[in-house]
Amino acid sequence: MTTPLWVFGYGSLIWDPGFAFSRAEVARLPGWHRNFCMTSIHYRGTAEAPGLVLALDRADAAYCDGLAFEVPPDARDATLATLRERELISYAYREEWLDLDLASGARVNALAYVINRDHGQYSGTLPLETQAQIIARSCGLRGPNCDYLYATTDHLTKLGITDADLVWLSARVRQLRQLPTN
């Protein structure tokens, strides 16, 4: 019997995994944090007007809470193909196998997509206000950048996960989008 594939979702994979899974469980990834540190030139922005999407960025004292998806062995290859097509569109993400702590107490090795700091789409840690300004106005193939932010924040909240930066950004982007355009 082949070991099941585990996939860690920390952004859109939480609310739109796009693959079949046998179960999902809240999990913690130590040594990494969720950050709007990747410009989006496809899904939530364009090359002319990039948006921002979340990525895992290494931070020794940090952790990221998200969802671990268990994929049955017979769906492993199809899931990997689907994820690679979606997540490696510009190779700003790298695939990493990282140890997660499941809420149930188990530890699993999971596939996660982390930022490639050497890639041109890596933006580093921008001030929250700068992030809000970009997210409020950007749109790409999958729609407005703000929808990505709102969906991620809402789903994290439903899971009992609070990300203070995302909560602040959601409120600020809602304010900015209510301002009249010139």
Protein backbone atom coordinates (compact mmCIF):
# COMPACT_ATOMS: atom_id res chain seq x y z
CA MET A 1 0.00 0.00 0.00
CA THR A 2 1.33 3.43 -0.96
CA THR A 3 1.45 6.21 1.60
CA PRO A 4 -1.21 8.88 1.10
CA LEU A 5 -0.19 12.27 -0.18
CA TRP A 6 -0.64 15.19 2.22
CA VAL A 7 -0.97 18.72 0.82
CA PHE A 8 -0.79 21.88 2.94
CA GLY A 9 -3.21 24.68 2.09
CA TYR A 10 -2.68 28.14 3.53
CA GLY A 11 -4.36 30.39 0.92
CA SER A 12 -6.70 29.57 -1.94
CA LEU A 13 -6.18 25.83 -1.55
CA ILE A 14 -8.18 26.11 1.69
CA TRP A 15 -11.34 27.21 -0.13
CA ASP A 16 -10.66 25.96 -3.65
CA PRO A 17 -8.41 22.89 -3.50
CA GLY A 18 -9.28 21.67 -7.00
CA PHE A 19 -8.50 18.03 -6.19
CA ALA A 20 -10.18 15.11 -4.43
CA PHE A 21 -9.18 14.39 -0.86
CA SER A 22 -10.26 11.87 1.75
CA ARG A 23 -10.04 14.26 4.71
CA ALA A 24 -8.88 17.71 5.74
CA GLU A 25 -7.56 18.72 9.13
CA VAL A 26 -6.32 21.97 10.63
CA ALA A 27 -2.52 21.87 10.76
CA ARG A 28 0.41 24.01 11.83
CA LEU A 29 3.60 24.49 9.85
CA PRO A 30 6.47 25.74 12.05
CA GLY A 31 9.21 27.95 10.64
CA TRP A 32 7.09 29.59 7.94
CA HIS A 33 4.51 32.36 7.73
CA ARG A 34 1.70 33.24 5.34
CA ASN A 35 2.53 36.51 3.57
CA PHE A 36 1.36 38.52 0.56
CA CYS A 37 4.91 38.41 -0.77
CA MET A 38 4.30 37.24 -4.33
CA THR A 39 3.14 39.44 -7.16
CA SER A 40 0.41 37.86 -9.27
CA ILE A 41 0.65 38.44 -13.00
CA HIS A 42 -1.81 35.71 -13.97
CA TYR A 43 -4.60 34.86 -11.54
CA ARG A 44 -5.09 38.05 -9.47
CA GLY A 45 -3.29 40.66 -11.54
CA THR A 46 -1.56 41.19 -14.87
CA ALA A 47 2.00 41.87 -15.98
CA GLU A 48 1.03 45.55 -16.41
CA ALA A 49 -0.80 45.78 -13.06
CA PRO A 50 0.34 42.95 -10.76
CA GLY A 51 -1.76 41.86 -7.81
CA LEU A 52 -0.54 40.06 -4.70
CA VAL A 53 -1.06 36.49 -3.59
CA LEU A 54 -0.09 34.60 -0.50
CA ALA A 55 3.01 32.49 -0.24
CA LEU A 56 4.82 30.70 2.53
CA ASP A 57 7.94 32.65 3.43
CA ARG A 58 10.54 31.20 5.79
CA ALA A 59 10.62 32.79 9.25
CA ASP A 60 12.31 30.76 11.97
CA ALA A 61 10.23 31.92 14.95
CA ALA A 62 6.93 31.93 13.04
CA TYR A 63 4.29 29.37 12.15
CA CYS A 64 1.44 29.14 9.69
CA ASP A 65 -1.90 27.52 10.48
CA GLY A 66 -3.87 26.10 7.56
CA LEU A 67 -5.43 22.89 6.29
CA ALA A 68 -3.72 19.58 5.61
CA PHE A 69 -5.47 17.55 2.92
CA GLU A 70 -5.02 13.80 2.80
CA VAL A 71 -5.16 12.52 -0.77
CA PRO A 72 -5.82 8.81 -1.29
CA PRO A 73 -2.96 6.88 -2.91
CA ASP A 74 -4.96 6.21 -6.09
CA ALA A 75 -5.40 9.98 -6.63
CA ARG A 76 -1.77 10.91 -5.92
CA ASP A 77 -0.51 11.28 -9.52
CA ALA A 78 -3.57 13.17 -10.75
CA THR A 79 -3.43 15.50 -7.74
CA LEU A 80 0.26 16.25 -8.24
CA ALA A 81 -0.36 17.00 -11.93
CA THR A 82 -3.27 19.31 -11.07
CA LEU A 83 -1.32 21.15 -8.39
CA ARG A 84 1.77 21.57 -10.54
CA GLU A 85 -0.25 23.01 -13.40
CA ARG A 86 -1.94 25.46 -11.04
CA GLU A 87 0.83 26.42 -8.63
CA LEU A 88 3.90 26.32 -10.86
CA ILE A 89 2.48 28.53 -13.62
CA SER A 90 5.47 30.90 -13.38
CA TYR A 91 7.73 28.96 -10.98
CA ALA A 92 7.54 31.70 -8.37
CA TYR A 93 6.57 28.88 -6.00
CA ARG A 94 8.79 25.93 -5.19
CA GLU A 95 7.55 22.54 -4.08
CA GLU A 96 8.79 21.58 -0.63
CA TRP A 97 8.07 18.57 1.57
CA LEU A 98 7.58 19.91 5.08
CA ASP A 99 6.53 18.44 8.43
CA LEU A 100 3.12 19.59 9.66
CA ASP A 101 1.56 19.16 13.07
CA LEU A 102 -2.08 18.12 12.69
CA ALA A 103 -4.65 19.34 15.22
CA SER A 104 -5.24 15.69 16.13
CA GLY A 105 -1.64 15.45 17.36
CA ALA A 106 -0.10 13.53 14.46
CA ARG A 107 2.83 14.78 12.43
CA VAL A 108 2.82 14.30 8.65
CA ASN A 109 5.14 15.20 5.82
CA ALA A 110 3.21 17.31 3.33
CA LEU A 111 3.69 18.99 0.00
CA ALA A 112 3.63 22.76 0.30
CA TYR A 113 4.18 25.54 -2.19
CA VAL A 114 6.66 28.10 -0.84
CA ILE A 115 7.97 31.31 -2.34
CA ASN A 116 11.13 31.22 -4.41
CA ARG A 117 12.93 34.28 -3.05
CA ASP A 118 15.16 34.39 -6.13
CA HIS A 119 12.19 34.74 -8.48
CA GLY A 120 11.22 38.14 -9.92
CA GLN A 121 7.71 37.82 -8.48
CA TYR A 122 9.00 37.78 -4.90
CA SER A 123 8.10 41.15 -3.39
CA GLY A 124 9.44 40.65 0.12
CA THR A 125 7.41 41.91 3.04
CA LEU A 126 5.56 45.01 1.94
CA PRO A 127 3.91 47.34 4.47
CA LEU A 128 0.29 46.33 5.09
CA GLU A 129 -1.02 49.61 3.67
CA THR A 130 0.90 49.01 0.43
CA GLN A 131 -0.52 45.49 0.25
CA ALA A 132 -4.05 46.85 0.77
CA GLN A 133 -3.63 49.44 -1.99
CA ILE A 134 -2.46 46.79 -4.48
CA ILE A 135 -5.12 44.22 -3.52
CA ALA A 136 -7.92 46.80 -3.68
CA ARG A 137 -7.26 47.64 -7.33
CA SER A 138 -5.88 44.44 -8.90
CA CYS A 139 -7.71 41.90 -11.06
CA GLY A 140 -6.55 38.89 -13.09
CA LEU A 141 -7.79 35.74 -14.85
CA ARG A 142 -9.47 34.43 -11.69
CA GLY A 143 -11.06 37.74 -10.75
CA PRO A 144 -10.48 40.62 -8.36
CA ASN A 145 -7.55 40.33 -5.98
CA CYS A 146 -9.84 41.40 -3.12
CA ASP A 147 -12.04 38.30 -3.63
CA TYR A 148 -8.97 36.10 -3.02
CA LEU A 149 -8.22 38.00 0.20
CA TYR A 150 -11.83 37.91 1.44
CA ALA A 151 -12.30 34.20 0.69
CA THR A 152 -9.07 33.25 2.42
CA THR A 153 -9.80 35.37 5.50
CA ASP A 154 -13.40 34.11 5.73
CA HIS A 155 -12.42 30.45 5.44
CA LEU A 156 -9.64 30.78 7.98
CA THR A 157 -12.13 32.36 10.39
CA LYS A 158 -14.57 29.48 9.84
CA LEU A 159 -11.75 27.07 10.70
CA GLY A 160 -11.05 28.98 13.93
CA ILE A 161 -7.77 30.37 12.60
CA THR A 162 -7.09 34.05 13.16
CA ASP A 163 -4.53 35.78 10.99
CA ALA A 164 -4.39 39.35 12.29
CA ASP A 165 -2.74 40.71 9.12
CA LEU A 166 -5.42 39.23 6.87
CA VAL A 167 -8.21 40.50 9.12
CA TRP A 168 -6.72 44.01 9.00
CA LEU A 169 -6.16 43.80 5.23
CA SER A 170 -9.74 42.64 4.61
CA ALA A 171 -11.16 45.57 6.56
CA ARG A 172 -8.82 48.07 4.91
CA VAL A 173 -9.44 46.79 1.37
CA ARG A 174 -13.20 47.01 1.96
CA GLN A 175 -12.70 50.66 2.98
CA LEU A 176 -10.57 51.42 -0.06
CA ARG A 177 -13.02 49.84 -2.48
CA GLN A 178 -15.83 52.05 -1.15
CA LEU A 179 -13.94 55.22 -2.05
CA PRO A 180 -15.09 57.00 -5.20
CA THR A 181 -12.86 56.52 -8.22
CA ASN A 182 -11.37 59.52 -10.00
